[in-house]
Amino acid sequence: MNKMRYLRIAVALAVLVAVFVCTFAHVPIGTLCALCPVGFAELTVASGSVPWGLLPGVLVVLAVVFLLGRVFCSWVCPTSLLKNIFGGRTPRGLTGRTGTCPGCSKNADSSKPDVILSEGPSSDPYVISTEVTEAPTPTSSRPEAHSAAVERSRGGRPTASRTSNNLAAQAIVLTVLLVVSFIVHFPVFCLFCPIGLTFGTLFAVSRLFVTWQPGWELILFPAMLFAELFLLRRWCSAICPLGFFFGLMAKARARFKFLPGIRVNKGTCLHNSGCDVCATVCPEDLTAPTADGHAMEDCTLCLDCREHCPAKAINLSSEK
């Protein structure tokens, strides 16, 4: 069961429905685009004046990201909503990556088959398989396990290196967008922003059924969304300029240990016994027990690791 993923989908859908309904009810709440720091910066350089009316909403979004982390990315952004439903970068689809590791538990019944994470022939390199295995041995006595532990200590899984968010690449993209916006006097990112494309698609579909006037955007907007989310696989980590602002907030909040974040109880964690469930279900490929502070800046507080941890060793709390 993926309760947290279904909850995230429900929250993101609720936001889209609320904006959609308020628009047709002529309630002036705007869209998520009105809260975008990138759009605010582009409008400023394109028009040569500061859109002060948008500043409070932008500051609220940045304040939320500072206090709670990159929650916008996993709980609100239509990009994650579409990936959770249709696939794309892990987790894939509605069921996504799940896993249990009772064989790693101290209280596991050794007479029963262990459910382990293993590589299989499916398109997802991690599938759940059941086979009889020997009781786990200490990591130090297994050279291959030691090698895996070394790799995990770097913040990734033993079979794949983690793709971290590239703040420098996002800064370059943002700089180019601001320069072009200044030259053409138009916020160019709004033309291909996934959030804007999502709302544009919804409004295009509504016009089709309300006025029966289909437009070219019915094909163009979904095609652009598909290309950005499923062909440009590093869109979120290396291209999205909004991620630059969120990355800065993540670096700032990392200095304040009292802010809530993912905490691991090392006394009950089964990572040293071979468990990698948290890394398998994490959309950012983070291994919670070994990820350092720099890696945890990419955490979006999706809470999949907390839900699926077989030892219940992961919690959302402040560091004491």
Protein backbone atom coordinates (compact mmCIF):
# COMPACT_ATOMS: atom_id res chain seq x y z
CA MET A 1 0.00 0.00 0.00
CA ASN A 2 1.29 3.45 -0.92
CA LYS A 3 -0.76 5.65 1.38
CA MET A 4 1.62 8.60 1.22
CA ARG A 5 1.74 8.55 -2.58
CA TYR A 6 -2.03 8.43 -2.83
CA LEU A 7 -2.23 11.28 -0.33
CA ARG A 8 0.23 13.36 -2.37
CA ILE A 9 -1.80 12.72 -5.51
CA ALA A 10 -4.97 13.78 -3.68
CA VAL A 11 -3.36 16.99 -2.41
CA ALA A 12 -1.97 17.96 -5.82
CA LEU A 13 -5.30 17.19 -7.51
CA ALA A 14 -7.14 19.23 -4.89
CA VAL A 15 -4.92 22.23 -5.65
CA LEU A 16 -5.56 21.90 -9.40
CA VAL A 17 -9.31 21.52 -8.89
CA ALA A 18 -9.44 24.49 -6.51
CA VAL A 19 -7.66 26.75 -9.00
CA PHE A 20 -9.77 25.45 -11.87
CA VAL A 21 -13.09 25.94 -10.05
CA CYS A 22 -12.18 29.38 -8.72
CA THR A 23 -11.20 30.50 -12.21
CA PHE A 24 -14.58 29.59 -13.64
CA ALA A 25 -16.32 31.05 -10.57
CA HIS A 26 -14.46 34.32 -11.21
CA VAL A 27 -12.72 34.16 -7.85
CA PRO A 28 -9.42 36.05 -8.36
CA ILE A 29 -6.98 33.67 -6.68
CA GLY A 30 -4.81 33.26 -9.77
CA THR A 31 -2.86 30.07 -10.48
CA LEU A 32 0.31 28.60 -9.04
CA CYS A 33 2.16 30.63 -11.67
CA ALA A 34 1.38 33.76 -9.67
CA LEU A 35 3.44 32.31 -6.80
CA CYS A 36 6.46 31.39 -8.93
CA PRO A 37 9.79 33.05 -8.04
CA VAL A 38 11.02 32.46 -11.60
CA GLY A 39 8.01 34.22 -13.09
CA PHE A 40 8.45 37.09 -10.66
CA ALA A 41 12.11 37.51 -11.63
CA GLU A 42 11.32 37.27 -15.35
CA LEU A 43 8.51 39.84 -15.14
CA THR A 44 10.83 42.18 -13.28
CA VAL A 45 13.57 42.11 -15.92
CA ALA A 46 11.12 41.96 -18.87
CA SER A 47 9.05 44.96 -17.78
CA GLY A 48 11.78 46.94 -16.06
CA SER A 49 9.61 47.30 -12.95
CA VAL A 50 8.90 45.17 -9.90
CA PRO A 51 5.43 43.50 -9.83
CA TRP A 52 4.91 44.23 -6.15
CA GLY A 53 1.49 42.58 -6.15
CA LEU A 54 3.07 39.18 -6.74
CA LEU A 55 5.81 39.55 -4.13
CA PRO A 56 3.79 38.45 -1.04
CA GLY A 57 2.80 35.13 -2.67
CA VAL A 58 6.37 34.47 -3.79
CA LEU A 59 7.72 35.16 -0.30
CA VAL A 60 5.13 32.83 1.23
CA VAL A 61 6.20 29.98 -1.07
CA LEU A 62 9.88 30.52 -0.25
CA ALA A 63 9.08 30.69 3.47
CA VAL A 64 7.22 27.38 3.31
CA VAL A 65 10.14 25.75 1.50
CA PHE A 66 12.54 27.16 4.10
CA LEU A 67 10.47 25.79 7.01
CA LEU A 68 9.44 22.42 5.54
CA GLY A 69 11.92 21.74 2.77
CA ARG A 70 11.13 21.06 -0.87
CA VAL A 71 7.57 19.96 -0.09
CA PHE A 72 6.24 21.88 -3.09
CA CYS A 73 8.06 19.48 -5.41
CA SER A 74 6.40 16.33 -4.08
CA TRP A 75 3.07 17.58 -2.71
CA VAL A 76 1.93 20.40 -5.01
CA CYS A 77 3.86 20.56 -8.27
CA PRO A 78 1.92 19.05 -11.22
CA THR A 79 5.19 17.54 -12.42
CA SER A 80 5.33 15.11 -9.50
CA LEU A 81 1.59 14.51 -9.80
CA LEU A 82 1.94 13.36 -13.40
CA LYS A 83 5.00 11.25 -12.61
CA ASN A 84 3.22 9.56 -9.72
CA ILE A 85 0.29 8.68 -11.96
CA PHE A 86 1.93 7.88 -15.28
CA GLY A 87 5.51 6.99 -14.44
CA GLY A 88 8.70 8.70 -15.49
CA ARG A 89 11.59 9.04 -13.09
CA THR A 90 11.22 6.77 -10.08
CA PRO A 91 8.87 6.11 -8.40
CA ARG A 92 7.03 4.61 -11.37
CA GLY A 93 3.27 4.68 -11.67
CA LEU A 94 0.59 4.47 -9.01
CA THR A 95 2.07 1.44 -7.30
CA GLY A 96 5.65 2.62 -7.66
CA ARG A 97 8.56 1.03 -5.85
CA THR A 98 7.65 -0.65 -2.63
CA GLY A 99 9.54 -3.15 -0.58
CA THR A 100 9.75 -4.94 2.72
CA CYS A 101 12.74 -6.62 4.24
CA PRO A 102 11.56 -9.02 6.96
CA GLY A 103 14.70 -11.10 6.40
CA CYS A 104 16.71 -8.17 7.75
CA SER A 105 14.67 -7.93 10.93
CA LYS A 106 16.03 -9.34 14.15
CA ASN A 107 12.64 -10.87 14.85
CA ALA A 108 12.22 -12.49 11.45
CA ASP A 109 11.26 -16.16 11.39
CA SER A 110 14.28 -17.89 9.84
CA SER A 111 12.11 -20.82 8.78
CA LYS A 112 10.15 -18.67 6.33
CA PRO A 113 11.30 -17.34 2.97
CA ASP A 114 12.78 -13.88 3.07
CA VAL A 115 11.37 -11.14 0.87
CA ILE A 116 14.29 -9.28 -0.57
CA LEU A 117 14.97 -6.62 -3.14
CA SER A 118 16.71 -8.07 -6.17
CA GLU A 119 17.36 -7.19 -9.75
CA GLY A 120 15.03 -8.66 -12.31
CA PRO A 121 14.21 -8.59 -16.00
CA SER A 122 11.50 -5.93 -15.69
CA SER A 123 11.93 -2.34 -16.82
CA ASP A 124 12.31 -1.34 -13.20
CA PRO A 125 15.72 -2.59 -12.00
CA TYR A 126 14.32 -3.29 -8.54
CA VAL A 127 11.53 -5.79 -8.19
CA ILE A 128 10.24 -7.74 -5.25
CA SER A 129 11.12 -11.42 -5.33
CA THR A 130 10.77 -14.19 -2.79
CA GLU A 131 13.49 -16.74 -2.23
CA VAL A 132 15.01 -18.66 0.65
CA THR A 133 18.16 -16.97 1.88
CA GLU A 134 20.55 -17.52 4.67
CA ALA A 135 20.40 -15.43 7.78
CA PRO A 136 22.24 -12.12 7.27
CA THR A 137 25.85 -12.15 8.29
CA PRO A 138 27.76 -9.17 9.60
CA THR A 139 28.74 -6.71 6.91
CA SER A 140 32.39 -6.89 7.81
CA SER A 141 32.55 -10.63 7.02
CA ARG A 142 31.22 -10.22 3.50
CA PRO A 143 33.53 -8.39 1.06
CA GLU A 144 30.72 -7.74 -1.42
CA ALA A 145 28.50 -6.39 1.32
CA HIS A 146 31.32 -4.16 2.50
CA SER A 147 31.65 -2.76 -1.02
CA ALA A 148 27.91 -2.13 -1.10
CA ALA A 149 28.08 -0.41 2.27
CA VAL A 150 30.83 1.88 1.00
CA GLU A 151 28.68 2.85 -1.96
CA ARG A 152 25.67 3.39 0.27
CA SER A 153 27.72 5.60 2.56
CA ARG A 154 28.12 7.98 -0.36
CA GLY A 155 24.38 8.55 -0.38
CA GLY A 156 23.38 6.09 -3.11
CA ARG A 157 22.39 2.49 -3.73
CA PRO A 158 25.04 -0.16 -4.42
CA THR A 159 23.76 -0.72 -7.96
CA ALA A 160 23.23 2.86 -9.09
CA SER A 161 24.79 6.24 -8.46
CA ARG A 162 22.38 8.89 -7.26
CA THR A 163 21.59 11.86 -9.48
CA SER A 164 21.64 14.87 -7.20
CA ASN A 165 20.10 18.24 -7.95
CA ASN A 166 22.55 20.37 -9.89
CA LEU A 167 22.20 23.88 -8.50
CA ALA A 168 24.87 25.28 -10.84
CA ALA A 169 23.09 23.96 -13.94
CA GLN A 170 19.77 25.38 -12.73
CA ALA A 171 21.47 28.74 -12.11
CA ILE A 172 22.78 28.79 -15.68
CA VAL A 173 19.32 28.00 -17.06
CA LEU A 174 17.79 30.74 -14.92
CA THR A 175 20.41 33.27 -16.06
CA VAL A 176 19.77 32.48 -19.73
CA LEU A 177 16.01 32.81 -19.20
CA LEU A 178 16.41 36.19 -17.51
CA VAL A 179 18.67 37.49 -20.29
CA VAL A 180 16.28 36.36 -23.01
CA SER A 181 13.30 37.77 -21.09
CA PHE A 182 15.09 41.11 -20.84
CA ILE A 183 15.80 41.13 -24.59
CA VAL A 184 12.32 40.13 -25.80
CA HIS A 185 10.43 41.84 -22.93
CA PHE A 186 8.49 38.68 -22.17
CA PRO A 187 8.74 35.98 -19.45
CA VAL A 188 9.86 33.19 -21.78
CA PHE A 189 9.86 30.39 -19.18
CA CYS A 190 6.08 30.74 -18.92
CA LEU A 191 5.87 29.36 -22.46
CA PHE A 192 7.18 25.95 -21.45
CA CYS A 193 6.87 25.79 -17.67
CA PRO A 194 5.31 22.41 -16.71
CA ILE A 195 2.98 24.10 -14.23
CA GLY A 196 1.77 26.56 -16.85
CA LEU A 197 1.45 23.81 -19.44
CA THR A 198 -0.65 21.74 -17.03
CA PHE A 199 -3.10 24.57 -16.40
CA GLY A 200 -3.05 25.46 -20.09
CA THR A 201 -4.02 21.90 -20.98
CA LEU A 202 -6.84 21.88 -18.42
CA PHE A 203 -8.25 25.17 -19.71
CA ALA A 204 -7.92 24.00 -23.32
CA VAL A 205 -9.89 20.85 -22.52
CA SER A 206 -12.55 22.90 -20.71
CA ARG A 207 -12.94 25.22 -23.70
CA LEU A 208 -13.37 22.18 -25.92
CA PHE A 209 -16.38 21.00 -23.91
CA VAL A 210 -17.78 24.44 -23.08
CA THR A 211 -17.46 26.28 -26.39
CA TRP A 212 -16.74 23.31 -28.68
CA GLN A 213 -13.79 25.19 -30.13
CA PRO A 214 -10.74 22.94 -30.09
CA GLY A 215 -7.41 24.68 -30.41
CA TRP A 216 -3.85 23.75 -31.30
CA GLU A 217 -2.93 23.81 -27.61
CA LEU A 218 -4.84 20.54 -27.10
CA ILE A 219 -1.98 18.80 -28.88
CA LEU A 220 0.97 21.11 -28.29
CA PHE A 221 0.69 21.53 -24.51
CA PRO A 222 0.42 17.80 -23.66
CA ALA A 223 3.24 17.02 -26.13
CA MET A 224 5.52 19.57 -24.46
CA LEU A 225 4.64 18.18 -21.03
CA PHE A 226 5.43 14.65 -22.16
CA ALA A 227 8.80 15.72 -23.58
CA GLU A 228 9.81 17.61 -20.43
CA LEU A 229 8.76 14.97 -17.92
CA PHE A 230 9.50 11.71 -19.69
CA LEU A 231 12.17 12.48 -22.31
CA LEU A 232 14.20 15.11 -20.46
CA ARG A 233 14.74 12.87 -17.46
CA ARG A 234 16.87 15.42 -15.63
CA TRP A 235 14.33 18.21 -15.98
CA CYS A 236 13.70 18.53 -12.25
CA SER A 237 17.28 17.98 -11.09
CA ALA A 238 19.26 20.01 -13.64
CA ILE A 239 16.95 22.17 -15.78
CA CYS A 240 13.98 23.49 -13.80
CA PRO A 241 14.93 27.05 -12.74
CA LEU A 242 12.38 26.91 -9.93
CA GLY A 243 14.57 24.24 -8.38
CA PHE A 244 17.35 26.83 -8.08
CA PHE A 245 15.31 28.92 -5.64
CA PHE A 246 14.20 25.84 -3.74
CA GLY A 247 17.80 24.63 -3.63
CA LEU A 248 18.92 27.91 -2.07
CA MET A 249 16.19 27.61 0.57
CA ALA A 250 17.23 24.00 1.23
CA LYS A 251 20.82 25.08 1.81
CA ALA A 252 19.69 27.83 4.16
CA ARG A 253 17.41 25.56 6.20
CA ALA A 254 20.18 22.96 6.53
CA ARG A 255 21.90 25.34 8.96
CA PHE A 256 18.94 25.20 11.33
CA LYS A 257 18.84 21.70 12.86
CA PHE A 258 15.62 22.39 14.77
CA LEU A 259 13.58 22.49 11.56
CA PRO A 260 11.66 19.26 10.81
CA GLY A 261 13.30 16.69 8.56
CA ILE A 262 13.85 12.99 8.01
CA ARG A 263 15.57 11.43 11.05
CA VAL A 264 16.77 7.83 11.32
CA ASN A 265 16.93 5.81 14.52
CA LYS A 266 20.28 4.10 14.03
CA GLY A 267 19.50 1.67 16.87
CA THR A 268 16.61 0.03 15.02
CA CYS A 269 17.64 0.72 11.40
CA LEU A 270 18.40 -2.45 9.38
CA HIS A 271 20.65 -0.79 6.80
CA ASN A 272 23.80 -2.53 8.04
CA SER A 273 22.02 -5.86 7.60
CA GLY A 274 21.49 -5.21 3.92
CA CYS A 275 18.16 -3.36 3.91
CA ASP A 276 17.87 -0.68 1.20
CA VAL A 277 14.11 -0.19 1.19
CA CYS A 278 14.37 3.54 1.89
CA ALA A 279 16.65 4.08 -1.13
CA THR A 280 14.44 1.91 -3.32
CA VAL A 281 11.26 3.89 -2.67
CA CYS A 282 12.85 7.37 -2.51
CA PRO A 283 12.15 9.50 -5.62
CA GLU A 284 15.52 11.18 -5.07
CA ASP A 285 17.40 7.87 -4.55
CA LEU A 286 18.46 8.92 -1.05
CA THR A 287 19.64 6.32 1.42
CA ALA A 288 18.37 7.92 4.61
CA PRO A 289 20.68 6.19 7.16
CA THR A 290 23.89 7.23 5.37
CA ALA A 291 23.00 10.34 3.36
CA ASP A 292 24.88 13.39 4.58
CA GLY A 293 23.46 16.86 5.07
CA HIS A 294 24.31 17.92 1.51
CA ALA A 295 22.45 14.96 0.00
CA MET A 296 19.45 15.49 2.29
CA GLU A 297 19.00 18.95 0.81
CA ASP A 298 17.35 17.13 -2.11
CA CYS A 299 14.74 15.52 0.16
CA THR A 300 11.20 16.57 -0.77
CA LEU A 301 9.56 15.11 2.36
CA CYS A 302 7.44 12.76 0.30
CA LEU A 303 7.61 10.41 3.34
CA ASP A 304 7.72 7.24 1.23
CA CYS A 305 10.77 6.08 3.18
CA ARG A 306 8.94 6.53 6.47
CA GLU A 307 5.92 4.56 5.27
CA HIS A 308 7.85 1.60 3.86
CA CYS A 309 10.70 1.28 6.38
CA PRO A 310 10.35 -2.31 7.70
CA ALA A 311 11.90 -1.36 11.05
CA LYS A 312 9.89 1.88 11.43
CA ALA A 313 13.22 3.57 12.08
CA ILE A 314 12.49 6.69 10.00
CA ASN A 315 10.50 9.60 11.36
CA LEU A 316 9.78 13.22 10.60
CA SER A 317 11.09 15.30 13.48
CA SER A 318 13.50 18.00 14.53
CA GLU A 319 17.07 17.21 15.46
CA LYS A 320 17.59 17.40 19.19
